[in-house]
Amino acid sequence: RVTSPNAGVLGIGRGVLSVVRAIPDILYALLFVAAVGVGPLPGIAALILFNIGVIAKLLSETVDGVDPGPIEAGRAAGATRAQTVRWGVLPQVMPNYIAYSLYVFELNIRASTVLGIVGAGGIGGALFSAFQRFDYDFVLTILATIIAIIVLGELLANYVKRAFHV
């Protein structure tokens, strides 16, 4: 609402993103596997489509919660809409944008594991293949790598939150 010039466009956009977000990533993966076959492309496409809805929801709520003071000051000074967003909104929401991006990265690591098991490629495919071969040393290596990436992502997100006082 803060940055949207048109209530109708806002309503349509939110409705479309709600529908996109309502469909689970596993269903997107199955649809893309059926459409283009097994491999990394269906997994990537499923994660992209699912995350568009998730990140848009998080970011829109952040923008809606900004302090209106800088926006009003920019408008009173004669700033254009783009200038108002750049100097009145963006500085307030950038720390949250960074934190949300890191959070979605963690979600994608976890989701790629599940999607790979259903045939959408990626690290989950390697994990499933190692299970089928009874190569438990490789399974443990993959799991340790997944856990390390998630923990490092969490540490980085916490550092960013502290640095920007989020």
N, C-alpha and C. Protein backbone atom coordinates (compact mmCIF):
# COMPACT_ATOMS: atom_id res chain seq x y z
N ARG A 1 0.82 -1.20 0.00
CA ARG A 1 0.00 0.00 0.00
C ARG A 1 0.86 1.26 0.00
N VAL A 2 2.01 1.19 0.63
CA VAL A 2 2.85 2.37 0.76
C VAL A 2 3.38 2.84 -0.59
N THR A 3 3.79 1.92 -1.44
CA THR A 3 4.44 2.30 -2.69
C THR A 3 3.59 2.04 -3.93
N SER A 4 2.46 1.38 -3.79
CA SER A 4 1.63 1.05 -4.95
C SER A 4 0.79 2.25 -5.38
N PRO A 5 0.86 2.63 -6.65
CA PRO A 5 0.08 3.77 -7.11
C PRO A 5 -1.39 3.45 -7.38
N ASN A 6 -1.75 2.15 -7.44
CA ASN A 6 -3.09 1.79 -7.85
C ASN A 6 -3.60 0.64 -6.98
N ALA A 7 -4.73 0.82 -6.34
CA ALA A 7 -5.30 -0.21 -5.46
C ALA A 7 -5.71 -1.46 -6.23
N GLY A 8 -6.18 -1.30 -7.47
CA GLY A 8 -6.57 -2.45 -8.28
C GLY A 8 -5.39 -3.33 -8.63
N VAL A 9 -4.30 -2.71 -9.04
CA VAL A 9 -3.08 -3.45 -9.36
C VAL A 9 -2.55 -4.15 -8.11
N LEU A 10 -2.61 -3.46 -6.98
CA LEU A 10 -2.18 -4.05 -5.71
C LEU A 10 -3.00 -5.30 -5.39
N GLY A 11 -4.33 -5.21 -5.52
CA GLY A 11 -5.20 -6.35 -5.22
C GLY A 11 -4.97 -7.53 -6.14
N ILE A 12 -4.82 -7.26 -7.43
CA ILE A 12 -4.56 -8.34 -8.39
C ILE A 12 -3.20 -8.98 -8.12
N GLY A 13 -2.20 -8.16 -7.89
CA GLY A 13 -0.86 -8.68 -7.61
C GLY A 13 -0.83 -9.55 -6.36
N ARG A 14 -1.46 -9.08 -5.30
CA ARG A 14 -1.51 -9.88 -4.07
C ARG A 14 -2.28 -11.18 -4.26
N GLY A 15 -3.36 -11.13 -5.03
CA GLY A 15 -4.13 -12.34 -5.30
C GLY A 15 -3.32 -13.38 -6.06
N VAL A 16 -2.63 -12.95 -7.10
CA VAL A 16 -1.80 -13.87 -7.89
C VAL A 16 -0.69 -14.46 -7.02
N LEU A 17 -0.04 -13.62 -6.23
CA LEU A 17 1.04 -14.11 -5.38
C LEU A 17 0.51 -15.05 -4.28
N SER A 18 -0.70 -14.84 -3.82
CA SER A 18 -1.30 -15.75 -2.83
C SER A 18 -1.53 -17.12 -3.43
N VAL A 19 -1.99 -17.16 -4.67
CA VAL A 19 -2.21 -18.44 -5.34
C VAL A 19 -0.87 -19.14 -5.57
N VAL A 20 0.14 -18.40 -6.01
CA VAL A 20 1.47 -18.98 -6.24
C VAL A 20 2.03 -19.54 -4.94
N ARG A 21 1.85 -18.81 -3.84
CA ARG A 21 2.38 -19.23 -2.54
C ARG A 21 1.61 -20.41 -1.96
N ALA A 22 0.34 -20.56 -2.33
CA ALA A 22 -0.49 -21.61 -1.76
C ALA A 22 -0.13 -23.00 -2.29
N ILE A 23 0.48 -23.06 -3.45
CA ILE A 23 0.84 -24.35 -4.04
C ILE A 23 2.19 -24.77 -3.47
N PRO A 24 2.30 -25.97 -2.90
CA PRO A 24 3.57 -26.40 -2.30
C PRO A 24 4.65 -26.62 -3.36
N ASP A 25 5.90 -26.42 -2.94
CA ASP A 25 7.02 -26.59 -3.86
C ASP A 25 7.13 -28.00 -4.42
N ILE A 26 6.72 -28.98 -3.66
CA ILE A 26 6.79 -30.37 -4.13
C ILE A 26 5.82 -30.57 -5.31
N LEU A 27 4.67 -29.91 -5.27
CA LEU A 27 3.72 -30.02 -6.39
C LEU A 27 4.28 -29.33 -7.63
N TYR A 28 4.89 -28.17 -7.45
CA TYR A 28 5.56 -27.52 -8.58
C TYR A 28 6.61 -28.44 -9.18
N ALA A 29 7.39 -29.10 -8.32
CA ALA A 29 8.43 -30.00 -8.82
C ALA A 29 7.83 -31.14 -9.64
N LEU A 30 6.77 -31.74 -9.13
CA LEU A 30 6.14 -32.84 -9.86
C LEU A 30 5.58 -32.37 -11.20
N LEU A 31 5.00 -31.17 -11.22
CA LEU A 31 4.48 -30.62 -12.48
C LEU A 31 5.61 -30.35 -13.48
N PHE A 32 6.70 -29.78 -13.00
CA PHE A 32 7.82 -29.49 -13.90
C PHE A 32 8.54 -30.76 -14.35
N VAL A 33 8.62 -31.77 -13.49
CA VAL A 33 9.20 -33.06 -13.91
C VAL A 33 8.34 -33.67 -15.01
N ALA A 34 7.01 -33.60 -14.85
CA ALA A 34 6.12 -34.14 -15.88
C ALA A 34 6.24 -33.34 -17.18
N ALA A 35 6.50 -32.04 -17.07
CA ALA A 35 6.56 -31.19 -18.26
C ALA A 35 7.89 -31.29 -19.00
N VAL A 36 9.00 -31.30 -18.27
CA VAL A 36 10.31 -31.24 -18.94
C VAL A 36 11.21 -32.44 -18.66
N GLY A 37 10.78 -33.35 -17.79
CA GLY A 37 11.58 -34.52 -17.50
C GLY A 37 12.42 -34.34 -16.24
N VAL A 38 13.14 -35.41 -15.91
CA VAL A 38 13.96 -35.43 -14.70
C VAL A 38 15.24 -34.66 -14.95
N GLY A 39 15.72 -33.98 -13.93
CA GLY A 39 16.96 -33.22 -14.02
C GLY A 39 16.92 -32.01 -13.12
N PRO A 40 17.93 -31.19 -13.19
CA PRO A 40 17.97 -30.02 -12.30
C PRO A 40 16.98 -28.91 -12.68
N LEU A 41 16.62 -28.80 -13.95
CA LEU A 41 15.73 -27.73 -14.38
C LEU A 41 14.38 -27.73 -13.66
N PRO A 42 13.70 -28.86 -13.52
CA PRO A 42 12.41 -28.84 -12.80
C PRO A 42 12.56 -28.40 -11.35
N GLY A 43 13.64 -28.81 -10.70
CA GLY A 43 13.86 -28.40 -9.31
C GLY A 43 14.10 -26.91 -9.19
N ILE A 44 14.92 -26.38 -10.08
CA ILE A 44 15.20 -24.94 -10.07
C ILE A 44 13.92 -24.15 -10.35
N ALA A 45 13.18 -24.57 -11.36
CA ALA A 45 11.94 -23.87 -11.71
C ALA A 45 10.93 -23.91 -10.57
N ALA A 46 10.82 -25.06 -9.91
CA ALA A 46 9.88 -25.20 -8.80
C ALA A 46 10.27 -24.27 -7.65
N LEU A 47 11.54 -24.23 -7.32
CA LEU A 47 11.98 -23.37 -6.23
C LEU A 47 11.81 -21.89 -6.57
N ILE A 48 12.10 -21.53 -7.80
CA ILE A 48 11.93 -20.12 -8.21
C ILE A 48 10.47 -19.72 -8.09
N LEU A 49 9.58 -20.52 -8.63
CA LEU A 49 8.16 -20.17 -8.62
C LEU A 49 7.62 -20.11 -7.20
N PHE A 50 7.96 -21.07 -6.38
CA PHE A 50 7.47 -21.08 -5.00
C PHE A 50 8.03 -19.89 -4.22
N ASN A 51 9.31 -19.60 -4.41
CA ASN A 51 9.94 -18.54 -3.63
C ASN A 51 9.52 -17.14 -4.05
N ILE A 52 9.05 -16.99 -5.27
CA ILE A 52 8.52 -15.69 -5.68
C ILE A 52 7.37 -15.31 -4.75
N GLY A 53 6.47 -16.24 -4.49
CA GLY A 53 5.35 -15.96 -3.60
C GLY A 53 5.77 -15.70 -2.17
N VAL A 54 6.71 -16.50 -1.68
CA VAL A 54 7.14 -16.36 -0.29
C VAL A 54 7.85 -15.03 -0.07
N ILE A 55 8.84 -14.74 -0.91
CA ILE A 55 9.63 -13.53 -0.71
C ILE A 55 8.78 -12.28 -0.96
N ALA A 56 7.87 -12.34 -1.93
CA ALA A 56 7.01 -11.19 -2.18
C ALA A 56 6.12 -10.89 -0.98
N LYS A 57 5.62 -11.91 -0.33
CA LYS A 57 4.79 -11.71 0.86
C LYS A 57 5.61 -11.08 1.99
N LEU A 58 6.79 -11.61 2.25
CA LEU A 58 7.63 -11.07 3.30
C LEU A 58 8.02 -9.62 3.01
N LEU A 59 8.39 -9.35 1.79
CA LEU A 59 8.84 -8.01 1.44
C LEU A 59 7.70 -7.00 1.43
N SER A 60 6.52 -7.42 0.97
CA SER A 60 5.40 -6.48 0.95
C SER A 60 4.97 -6.10 2.36
N GLU A 61 5.01 -7.05 3.27
CA GLU A 61 4.67 -6.73 4.65
C GLU A 61 5.71 -5.81 5.28
N THR A 62 6.97 -5.98 4.91
CA THR A 62 8.02 -5.09 5.41
C THR A 62 7.82 -3.68 4.89
N VAL A 63 7.51 -3.55 3.61
CA VAL A 63 7.30 -2.23 3.02
C VAL A 63 6.07 -1.57 3.65
N ASP A 64 5.03 -2.35 3.89
CA ASP A 64 3.81 -1.78 4.49
C ASP A 64 4.04 -1.30 5.92
N GLY A 65 5.09 -1.81 6.59
CA GLY A 65 5.35 -1.43 7.97
C GLY A 65 6.36 -0.31 8.15
N VAL A 66 6.76 0.37 7.07
CA VAL A 66 7.78 1.42 7.20
C VAL A 66 7.20 2.66 7.87
N ASP A 67 8.10 3.47 8.40
CA ASP A 67 7.74 4.75 8.99
C ASP A 67 7.35 5.71 7.86
N PRO A 68 6.14 6.27 7.90
CA PRO A 68 5.72 7.14 6.80
C PRO A 68 6.39 8.52 6.81
N GLY A 69 7.08 8.88 7.87
CA GLY A 69 7.70 10.19 7.97
C GLY A 69 8.64 10.53 6.82
N PRO A 70 9.63 9.68 6.53
CA PRO A 70 10.53 9.99 5.41
C PRO A 70 9.81 10.05 4.05
N ILE A 71 8.77 9.27 3.89
CA ILE A 71 8.01 9.30 2.63
C ILE A 71 7.29 10.63 2.50
N GLU A 72 6.64 11.06 3.57
CA GLU A 72 5.94 12.33 3.55
C GLU A 72 6.92 13.49 3.35
N ALA A 73 8.09 13.40 3.97
CA ALA A 73 9.09 14.45 3.81
C ALA A 73 9.57 14.52 2.36
N GLY A 74 9.77 13.36 1.74
CA GLY A 74 10.19 13.34 0.34
C GLY A 74 9.13 13.93 -0.57
N ARG A 75 7.90 13.59 -0.34
CA ARG A 75 6.80 14.13 -1.16
C ARG A 75 6.67 15.64 -0.97
N ALA A 76 6.82 16.09 0.29
CA ALA A 76 6.71 17.51 0.58
C ALA A 76 7.85 18.30 -0.08
N ALA A 77 9.00 17.65 -0.23
CA ALA A 77 10.16 18.31 -0.86
C ALA A 77 10.09 18.25 -2.38
N GLY A 78 9.08 17.56 -2.92
CA GLY A 78 8.92 17.49 -4.37
C GLY A 78 9.60 16.31 -5.03
N ALA A 79 9.91 15.27 -4.27
CA ALA A 79 10.57 14.09 -4.83
C ALA A 79 9.60 13.32 -5.71
N THR A 80 10.14 12.68 -6.74
CA THR A 80 9.32 11.81 -7.58
C THR A 80 9.01 10.54 -6.81
N ARG A 81 8.12 9.71 -7.36
CA ARG A 81 7.78 8.44 -6.71
C ARG A 81 9.03 7.57 -6.56
N ALA A 82 9.84 7.50 -7.61
CA ALA A 82 11.06 6.69 -7.55
C ALA A 82 12.02 7.23 -6.50
N GLN A 83 12.17 8.51 -6.39
CA GLN A 83 13.06 9.10 -5.40
C GLN A 83 12.53 8.86 -3.99
N THR A 84 11.23 8.94 -3.83
CA THR A 84 10.63 8.69 -2.52
C THR A 84 10.88 7.25 -2.08
N VAL A 85 10.70 6.33 -3.01
CA VAL A 85 10.95 4.92 -2.68
C VAL A 85 12.44 4.71 -2.38
N ARG A 86 13.31 5.29 -3.22
CA ARG A 86 14.75 5.09 -3.06
C ARG A 86 15.27 5.64 -1.73
N TRP A 87 14.85 6.85 -1.37
CA TRP A 87 15.41 7.50 -0.19
C TRP A 87 14.52 7.42 1.05
N GLY A 88 13.23 7.13 0.89
CA GLY A 88 12.33 7.07 2.03
C GLY A 88 11.96 5.67 2.47
N VAL A 89 11.94 4.73 1.52
CA VAL A 89 11.51 3.36 1.84
C VAL A 89 12.70 2.41 1.89
N LEU A 90 13.52 2.42 0.86
CA LEU A 90 14.61 1.44 0.74
C LEU A 90 15.55 1.39 1.94
N PRO A 91 16.00 2.52 2.49
CA PRO A 91 16.87 2.42 3.66
C PRO A 91 16.22 1.75 4.87
N GLN A 92 14.90 1.86 4.97
CA GLN A 92 14.20 1.24 6.09
C GLN A 92 14.03 -0.27 5.92
N VAL A 93 13.92 -0.72 4.69
CA VAL A 93 13.61 -2.13 4.46
C VAL A 93 14.82 -2.97 4.05
N MET A 94 15.92 -2.35 3.68
CA MET A 94 17.08 -3.11 3.18
C MET A 94 17.60 -4.15 4.17
N PRO A 95 17.74 -3.84 5.47
CA PRO A 95 18.20 -4.90 6.38
C PRO A 95 17.29 -6.13 6.40
N ASN A 96 15.97 -5.89 6.36
CA ASN A 96 15.04 -7.02 6.32
C ASN A 96 15.14 -7.77 5.00
N TYR A 97 15.33 -7.06 3.90
CA TYR A 97 15.48 -7.70 2.60
C TYR A 97 16.67 -8.66 2.63
N ILE A 98 17.77 -8.20 3.19
CA ILE A 98 18.97 -9.05 3.26
C ILE A 98 18.70 -10.27 4.14
N ALA A 99 18.10 -10.05 5.30
CA ALA A 99 17.80 -11.16 6.20
C ALA A 99 16.84 -12.16 5.56
N TYR A 100 15.83 -11.67 4.85
CA TYR A 100 14.87 -12.56 4.19
C TYR A 100 15.54 -13.34 3.06
N SER A 101 16.44 -12.70 2.35
CA SER A 101 17.15 -13.39 1.27
C SER A 101 17.96 -14.56 1.83
N LEU A 102 18.63 -14.34 2.94
CA LEU A 102 19.40 -15.42 3.56
C LEU A 102 18.47 -16.52 4.08
N TYR A 103 17.33 -16.13 4.61
CA TYR A 103 16.36 -17.11 5.09
C TYR A 103 15.83 -17.97 3.94
N VAL A 104 15.51 -17.33 2.82
CA VAL A 104 15.01 -18.07 1.66
C VAL A 104 16.10 -18.97 1.09
N PHE A 105 17.36 -18.54 1.16
CA PHE A 105 18.47 -19.38 0.74
C PHE A 105 18.50 -20.67 1.57
N GLU A 106 18.34 -20.53 2.89
CA GLU A 106 18.29 -21.71 3.76
C GLU A 106 17.12 -22.61 3.39
N LEU A 107 15.96 -22.00 3.17
CA LEU A 107 14.79 -22.79 2.78
C LEU A 107 15.05 -23.56 1.48
N ASN A 108 15.73 -22.92 0.54
CA ASN A 108 16.02 -23.57 -0.74
C ASN A 108 16.98 -24.74 -0.58
N ILE A 109 17.93 -24.64 0.32
CA ILE A 109 18.83 -25.77 0.57
C ILE A 109 18.02 -26.96 1.08
N ARG A 110 17.14 -26.70 2.04
CA ARG A 110 16.32 -27.78 2.58
C ARG A 110 15.37 -28.34 1.51
N ALA A 111 14.71 -27.44 0.79
CA ALA A 111 13.73 -27.86 -0.20
C ALA A 111 14.39 -28.60 -1.36
N SER A 112 15.60 -28.20 -1.73
CA SER A 112 16.27 -28.88 -2.85
C SER A 112 16.58 -30.33 -2.50
N THR A 113 16.79 -30.60 -1.23
CA THR A 113 17.01 -31.98 -0.81
C THR A 113 15.76 -32.81 -1.05
N VAL A 114 14.62 -32.29 -0.64
CA VAL A 114 13.35 -33.01 -0.82
C VAL A 114 13.00 -33.13 -2.30
N LEU A 115 13.17 -32.04 -3.03
CA LEU A 115 12.82 -32.05 -4.45
C LEU A 115 13.68 -33.04 -5.23
N GLY A 116 14.94 -33.14 -4.87
CA GLY A 116 15.82 -34.08 -5.55
C GLY A 116 15.41 -35.52 -5.35
N ILE A 117 14.86 -35.81 -4.19
CA ILE A 117 14.43 -37.18 -3.90
C ILE A 117 13.26 -37.58 -4.80
N VAL A 118 12.41 -36.60 -5.19
CA VAL A 118 11.28 -36.93 -6.07
C VAL A 118 11.65 -36.85 -7.54
N GLY A 119 12.93 -36.65 -7.83
CA GLY A 119 13.39 -36.69 -9.22
C GLY A 119 13.64 -35.35 -9.86
N ALA A 120 13.69 -34.28 -9.07
CA ALA A 120 13.90 -32.96 -9.64
C ALA A 120 15.37 -32.55 -9.67
N GLY A 121 16.27 -33.48 -9.40
CA GLY A 121 17.70 -33.19 -9.48
C GLY A 121 18.23 -32.52 -8.23
N GLY A 122 19.49 -32.11 -8.28
CA GLY A 122 20.10 -31.38 -7.18
C GLY A 122 20.68 -32.30 -6.12
N ILE A 123 20.94 -31.72 -4.97
CA ILE A 123 21.61 -32.44 -3.89
C ILE A 123 20.74 -33.58 -3.36
N GLY A 124 19.43 -33.42 -3.42
CA GLY A 124 18.54 -34.50 -2.98
C GLY A 124 18.64 -35.71 -3.88
N GLY A 125 18.85 -35.48 -5.17
CA GLY A 125 19.04 -36.59 -6.10
C GLY A 125 20.30 -37.36 -5.78
N ALA A 126 21.37 -36.63 -5.47
CA ALA A 126 22.63 -37.28 -5.09
C ALA A 126 22.46 -38.05 -3.79
N LEU A 127 21.74 -37.48 -2.85
CA LEU A 127 21.49 -38.15 -1.58
C LEU A 127 20.68 -39.43 -1.78
N PHE A 128 19.63 -39.36 -2.57
CA PHE A 128 18.80 -40.53 -2.84
C PHE A 128 19.60 -41.61 -3.56
N SER A 129 20.40 -41.21 -4.51
CA SER A 129 21.24 -42.16 -5.25
C SER A 129 22.23 -42.85 -4.33
N ALA A 130 22.82 -42.09 -3.41
CA ALA A 130 23.78 -42.68 -2.46
C ALA A 130 23.07 -43.66 -1.53
N PHE A 131 21.85 -43.35 -1.13
CA PHE A 131 21.07 -44.29 -0.32
C PHE A 131 20.81 -45.58 -1.08
N GLN A 132 20.46 -45.46 -2.35
CA GLN A 132 20.18 -46.65 -3.15
C GLN A 132 21.41 -47.52 -3.33
N ARG A 133 22.60 -46.91 -3.37
CA ARG A 133 23.85 -47.65 -3.54
C ARG A 133 24.41 -48.15 -2.20
N PHE A 134 23.73 -47.82 -1.11
CA PHE A 134 24.20 -48.14 0.24
C PHE A 134 25.56 -47.52 0.52
N ASP A 135 25.81 -46.37 -0.05
CA ASP A 135 27.07 -45.64 0.15
C ASP A 135 26.88 -44.66 1.30
N TYR A 136 26.87 -45.20 2.51
CA TYR A 136 26.52 -44.40 3.67
C TYR A 136 27.58 -43.37 4.04
N ASP A 137 28.83 -43.60 3.65
CA ASP A 137 29.86 -42.57 3.87
C ASP A 137 29.52 -41.32 3.07
N PHE A 138 29.10 -41.52 1.82
CA PHE A 138 28.74 -40.39 0.97
C PHE A 138 27.45 -39.72 1.47
N VAL A 139 26.50 -40.53 1.96
CA VAL A 139 25.27 -39.99 2.55
C VAL A 139 25.61 -39.08 3.71
N LEU A 140 26.50 -39.54 4.59
CA LEU A 140 26.90 -38.75 5.74
C LEU A 140 27.60 -37.47 5.30
N THR A 141 28.41 -37.55 4.27
CA THR A 141 29.10 -36.36 3.75
C THR A 141 28.09 -35.34 3.21
N ILE A 142 27.11 -35.83 2.47
CA ILE A 142 26.08 -34.92 1.93
C ILE A 142 25.29 -34.28 3.07
N LEU A 143 24.87 -35.08 4.03
CA LEU A 143 24.10 -34.55 5.16
C LEU A 143 24.92 -33.54 5.96
N ALA A 144 26.19 -33.83 6.20
CA ALA A 144 27.05 -32.90 6.93
C ALA A 144 27.21 -31.59 6.16
N THR A 145 27.31 -31.69 4.84
CA THR A 145 27.43 -30.49 4.01
C THR A 145 26.16 -29.66 4.08
N ILE A 146 25.01 -30.31 3.99
CA ILE A 146 23.73 -29.60 4.07
C ILE A 146 23.62 -28.90 5.42
N ILE A 147 23.92 -29.60 6.49
CA ILE A 147 23.84 -29.02 7.83
C ILE A 147 24.81 -27.85 7.97
N ALA A 148 26.02 -28.00 7.46
CA ALA A 148 27.02 -26.92 7.55
C ALA A 148 26.56 -25.68 6.79
N ILE A 149 26.00 -25.86 5.61
CA ILE A 149 25.52 -24.72 4.82
C ILE A 149 24.38 -24.01 5.55
N ILE A 150 23.48 -24.77 6.12
CA ILE A 150 22.35 -24.17 6.83
C ILE A 150 22.82 -23.44 8.07
N VAL A 151 23.75 -24.03 8.82
CA VAL A 151 24.26 -23.37 10.03
C VAL A 151 25.02 -22.10 9.66
N LEU A 152 25.85 -22.17 8.62
CA LEU A 152 26.58 -20.97 8.18
C LEU A 152 25.62 -19.88 7.70
N GLY A 153 24.57 -20.27 7.00
CA GLY A 153 23.56 -19.30 6.58
C GLY A 153 22.88 -18.65 7.76
N GLU A 154 22.59 -19.45 8.78
CA GLU A 154 21.95 -18.91 9.98
C GLU A 154 22.88 -17.95 10.71
N LEU A 155 24.15 -18.31 10.81
CA LEU A 155 25.13 -17.42 11.45
C LEU A 155 25.27 -16.11 10.68
N LEU A 156 25.31 -16.20 9.37
CA LEU A 156 25.40 -15.00 8.54
C LEU A 156 24.16 -14.13 8.70
N ALA A 157 22.99 -14.75 8.72
CA ALA A 157 21.75 -13.99 8.92
C ALA A 157 21.74 -13.30 10.27
N ASN A 158 22.19 -13.99 11.32
CA ASN A 158 22.25 -13.38 12.64
C ASN A 158 23.23 -12.21 12.67
N TYR A 159 24.36 -12.35 11.97
CA TYR A 159 25.34 -11.27 11.90
C TYR A 159 24.74 -10.05 11.20
N VAL A 160 24.05 -10.28 10.10
CA VAL A 160 23.44 -9.17 9.36
C VAL A 160 22.38 -8.49 10.23
N LYS A 161 21.60 -9.27 10.94
CA LYS A 161 20.56 -8.68 11.80
C LYS A 161 21.18 -7.82 12.89
N ARG A 162 22.27 -8.31 13.49
CA ARG A 162 22.95 -7.52 14.53
C ARG A 162 23.60 -6.27 13.94
N ALA A 163 24.21 -6.41 12.78
CA ALA A 163 24.91 -5.28 12.16
C ALA A 163 23.94 -4.17 11.77
N PHE A 164 22.74 -4.54 11.32
CA PHE A 164 21.76 -3.55 10.90
C PHE A 164 20.66 -3.31 11.94
N HIS A 165 20.81 -3.94 13.09
CA HIS A 165 19.83 -3.78 14.19
C HIS A 165 18.41 -4.14 13.77
N VAL A 166 18.28 -5.29 13.13
CA VAL A 166 16.96 -5.75 12.70
C VAL A 166 16.31 -6.49 13.85
